[in-house]
Every structure is written in C-alpha cells, then in structure tokens.
Amino acid sequence: MRLGLKKRYMLLLAIVLTAFVVINAPGLFSLGYRLYYAKVSHLPSALGFSSSDRLLVLSPHPDHRAVGDLAIRVLGERSESDKLHYWIVHGGPEWPLPKGLHQNLPLNPPPRGRGLDWTRLPLGAEEIQKKLQSIQLYHT
C-alpha cells in the first residue's frame, strides 16, 4: 500500500491525533473523516519507512511522542533500530540562542543535550532553501 504525498501527510497527522489508537490497537478504524482504513503493519510502507537508511523522528517528549513511539515499534520489530535518529524540539527555555533566523551561525546542541551523541547533518544549498521556505510557512 503506497499513498501519495498529501495522503501520507494526512495519515501522519491522523497518527499524531490518534496516538493511543495507533500504538495500542491492532489497526486504525477511523482516520480523519474515515478516509482510510489501515492496519499498523501497513503503516511502515505507507509512510515510506521501507527503504530508508535513516529515519529522523521527534524526540520522545510527551507533547509529540506518537510518531517516535511508532517508529521505535516498527523499526524494533524489523531489527532496524540503528536507523532511528531523533531531533530535539524542547531543548530548554533558552534554546536555541540567539532567537530568530541566523543562517551564518551554527546550531549547537542545547544544554540538556550536550551529553548526547550529537550528529550534525549538513544541508546543501537547495535543502537550505526548501527548509527556509518551510519555516516561512509556519505562522505561530
């Protein structure tokens, strides 16, 4: 089962909104407006987990742990936990500093994460431009 990009995002949103159903139930019976029926076993291929070298997910923080929990479960069942990497969303009250967009400054690990195995993944010019466009769409 492969879904188009828009449907994958909708499915991912449904997973986030119905985290306990996804993690604790054998299938999803109602996603959004009953657009899909999906068994948890179908989600990895539907979300594109099938051929990745790495899977980047939100850190396991209570505010947004559903996707991370799903990734841990799926990759654990496939003995591929070594492909799983996290990014930090809540690094502390004053991280990152300075606030705002500073393209010429490196993003250093937050104080809470300095003891973690930190990996920097450099972006190319096109990736930087796409990321900047994405950030500009975020209005909160």
Protein backbone atom coordinates (compact mmCIF):
# COMPACT_ATOMS: atom_id res chain seq x y z
CA MET A 1 0.00 0.00 0.00
CA ARG A 2 1.67 3.25 -1.17
CA LEU A 3 0.00 6.59 -0.69
CA GLY A 4 0.54 9.92 -2.41
CA LEU A 5 2.42 12.63 -0.53
CA LYS A 6 -0.72 14.51 0.53
CA LYS A 7 -2.37 11.34 1.79
CA ARG A 8 0.83 10.36 3.63
CA TYR A 9 0.80 13.69 5.45
CA MET A 10 -2.88 13.25 6.27
CA LEU A 11 -2.19 9.75 7.56
CA LEU A 12 0.74 11.01 9.62
CA LEU A 13 -1.47 13.75 11.07
CA ALA A 14 -4.09 11.15 11.92
CA ILE A 15 -1.44 9.06 13.65
CA VAL A 16 -0.40 12.04 15.75
CA LEU A 17 -4.01 12.85 16.62
CA THR A 18 -4.90 9.25 17.45
CA ALA A 19 -1.65 8.19 19.07
CA PHE A 20 -3.13 5.77 21.56
CA VAL A 21 -5.11 4.01 18.84
CA VAL A 22 -2.03 3.63 16.68
CA ILE A 23 0.27 2.43 19.39
CA ASN A 24 -2.12 0.24 21.37
CA ALA A 25 -4.61 -1.11 18.83
CA PRO A 26 -4.18 -3.67 16.04
CA GLY A 27 -5.46 -1.23 13.42
CA LEU A 28 -6.84 2.18 12.73
CA PHE A 29 -10.52 2.06 12.04
CA SER A 30 -11.17 5.75 11.63
CA LEU A 31 -8.58 8.23 10.45
CA GLY A 32 -9.78 11.77 10.00
CA TYR A 33 -13.10 11.59 8.19
CA ARG A 34 -12.94 7.83 7.65
CA LEU A 35 -10.79 8.34 4.59
CA TYR A 36 -8.61 5.33 5.26
CA TYR A 37 -8.53 2.01 7.00
CA ALA A 38 -5.02 0.89 7.79
CA LYS A 39 -3.52 -1.84 9.88
CA VAL A 40 -0.49 -0.83 11.89
CA SER A 41 1.51 -3.40 9.93
CA HIS A 42 0.75 -1.43 6.73
CA LEU A 43 1.92 1.91 8.09
CA PRO A 44 5.68 1.50 7.54
CA SER A 45 5.36 1.10 3.78
CA ALA A 46 2.56 3.68 3.55
CA LEU A 47 4.74 6.24 5.30
CA GLY A 48 7.84 5.38 3.29
CA PHE A 49 9.75 3.52 6.03
CA SER A 50 10.59 0.69 3.67
CA SER A 51 13.95 1.69 2.16
CA SER A 52 15.39 4.42 4.36
CA ASP A 53 18.97 4.41 5.59
CA ARG A 54 17.91 6.72 8.44
CA LEU A 55 14.63 7.69 9.99
CA LEU A 56 14.55 11.06 11.75
CA VAL A 57 11.75 11.47 14.30
CA LEU A 58 10.82 13.88 17.07
CA SER A 59 12.48 13.28 20.40
CA PRO A 60 10.36 11.14 22.75
CA HIS A 61 8.79 14.09 24.59
CA PRO A 62 5.19 13.78 25.91
CA ASP A 63 3.99 16.64 23.67
CA HIS A 64 4.76 14.78 20.45
CA ARG A 65 5.76 11.22 21.16
CA ALA A 66 3.26 9.35 18.94
CA VAL A 67 5.37 9.34 15.79
CA GLY A 68 8.53 8.49 17.73
CA ASP A 69 6.78 5.63 19.53
CA LEU A 70 5.50 4.29 16.21
CA ALA A 71 8.98 4.48 14.69
CA ILE A 72 10.53 2.73 17.71
CA ARG A 73 7.93 -0.04 17.43
CA VAL A 74 8.21 -0.51 13.67
CA LEU A 75 12.00 -0.42 13.46
CA GLY A 76 12.34 -2.55 16.60
CA GLU A 77 10.14 -5.25 15.05
CA ARG A 78 12.32 -5.14 11.94
CA SER A 79 15.61 -5.19 13.94
CA GLU A 80 16.50 -1.83 12.38
CA SER A 81 16.60 0.36 15.50
CA ASP A 82 20.08 1.55 14.47
CA LYS A 83 18.42 3.55 11.66
CA LEU A 84 16.47 5.64 14.15
CA HIS A 85 17.67 9.17 14.96
CA TYR A 86 15.92 11.91 16.94
CA TRP A 87 15.87 15.66 16.71
CA ILE A 88 15.31 17.80 19.76
CA VAL A 89 12.30 20.10 19.85
CA HIS A 90 12.35 21.18 23.51
CA GLY A 91 15.99 21.82 24.36
CA GLY A 92 15.31 24.10 27.32
CA PRO A 93 13.80 27.53 27.91
CA GLU A 94 16.59 29.47 26.20
CA TRP A 95 17.44 27.29 23.24
CA PRO A 96 18.31 27.98 20.57
CA LEU A 97 20.19 31.20 21.18
CA PRO A 98 20.20 33.72 19.72
CA LYS A 99 16.48 33.64 18.92
CA GLY A 100 15.41 34.04 15.31
CA LEU A 101 16.95 33.09 11.99
CA HIS A 102 20.76 33.31 11.92
CA GLN A 103 21.88 31.43 8.84
CA ASN A 104 25.58 32.15 9.37
CA LEU A 105 25.70 30.73 12.90
CA PRO A 106 25.94 27.02 13.73
CA LEU A 107 23.10 25.44 15.69
CA ASN A 108 24.81 23.99 18.74
CA PRO A 109 23.30 21.31 20.96
CA PRO A 110 21.07 22.59 23.76
CA PRO A 111 22.42 22.44 27.33
CA ARG A 112 20.12 19.47 28.06
CA GLY A 113 21.51 17.55 25.09
CA ARG A 114 25.23 18.19 25.34
CA GLY A 115 25.89 14.74 26.78
CA LEU A 116 24.06 13.04 23.91
CA ASP A 117 25.70 11.55 20.85
CA TRP A 118 25.12 14.59 18.64
CA THR A 119 25.31 14.29 14.84
CA ARG A 120 25.37 17.27 12.52
CA LEU A 121 23.80 16.65 9.11
CA PRO A 122 24.93 19.42 6.74
CA LEU A 123 22.43 20.66 4.17
CA GLY A 124 23.09 21.59 0.57
CA ALA A 125 22.01 24.95 -0.88
CA GLU A 126 18.75 23.53 -2.30
CA GLU A 127 17.90 21.84 1.02
CA ILE A 128 18.58 25.07 2.90
CA GLN A 129 16.26 26.96 0.56
CA LYS A 130 13.48 24.38 0.99
CA LYS A 131 13.89 24.46 4.77
CA LEU A 132 13.72 28.26 4.77
CA GLN A 133 10.52 28.13 2.69
CA SER A 134 9.03 25.65 5.15
CA ILE A 135 9.95 27.83 8.13
CA GLN A 136 8.35 30.85 6.46
CA LEU A 137 5.07 28.91 6.15
CA TYR A 138 4.95 28.35 9.92
CA HIS A 139 2.99 31.26 11.38
CA THR A 140 2.92 30.68 15.15
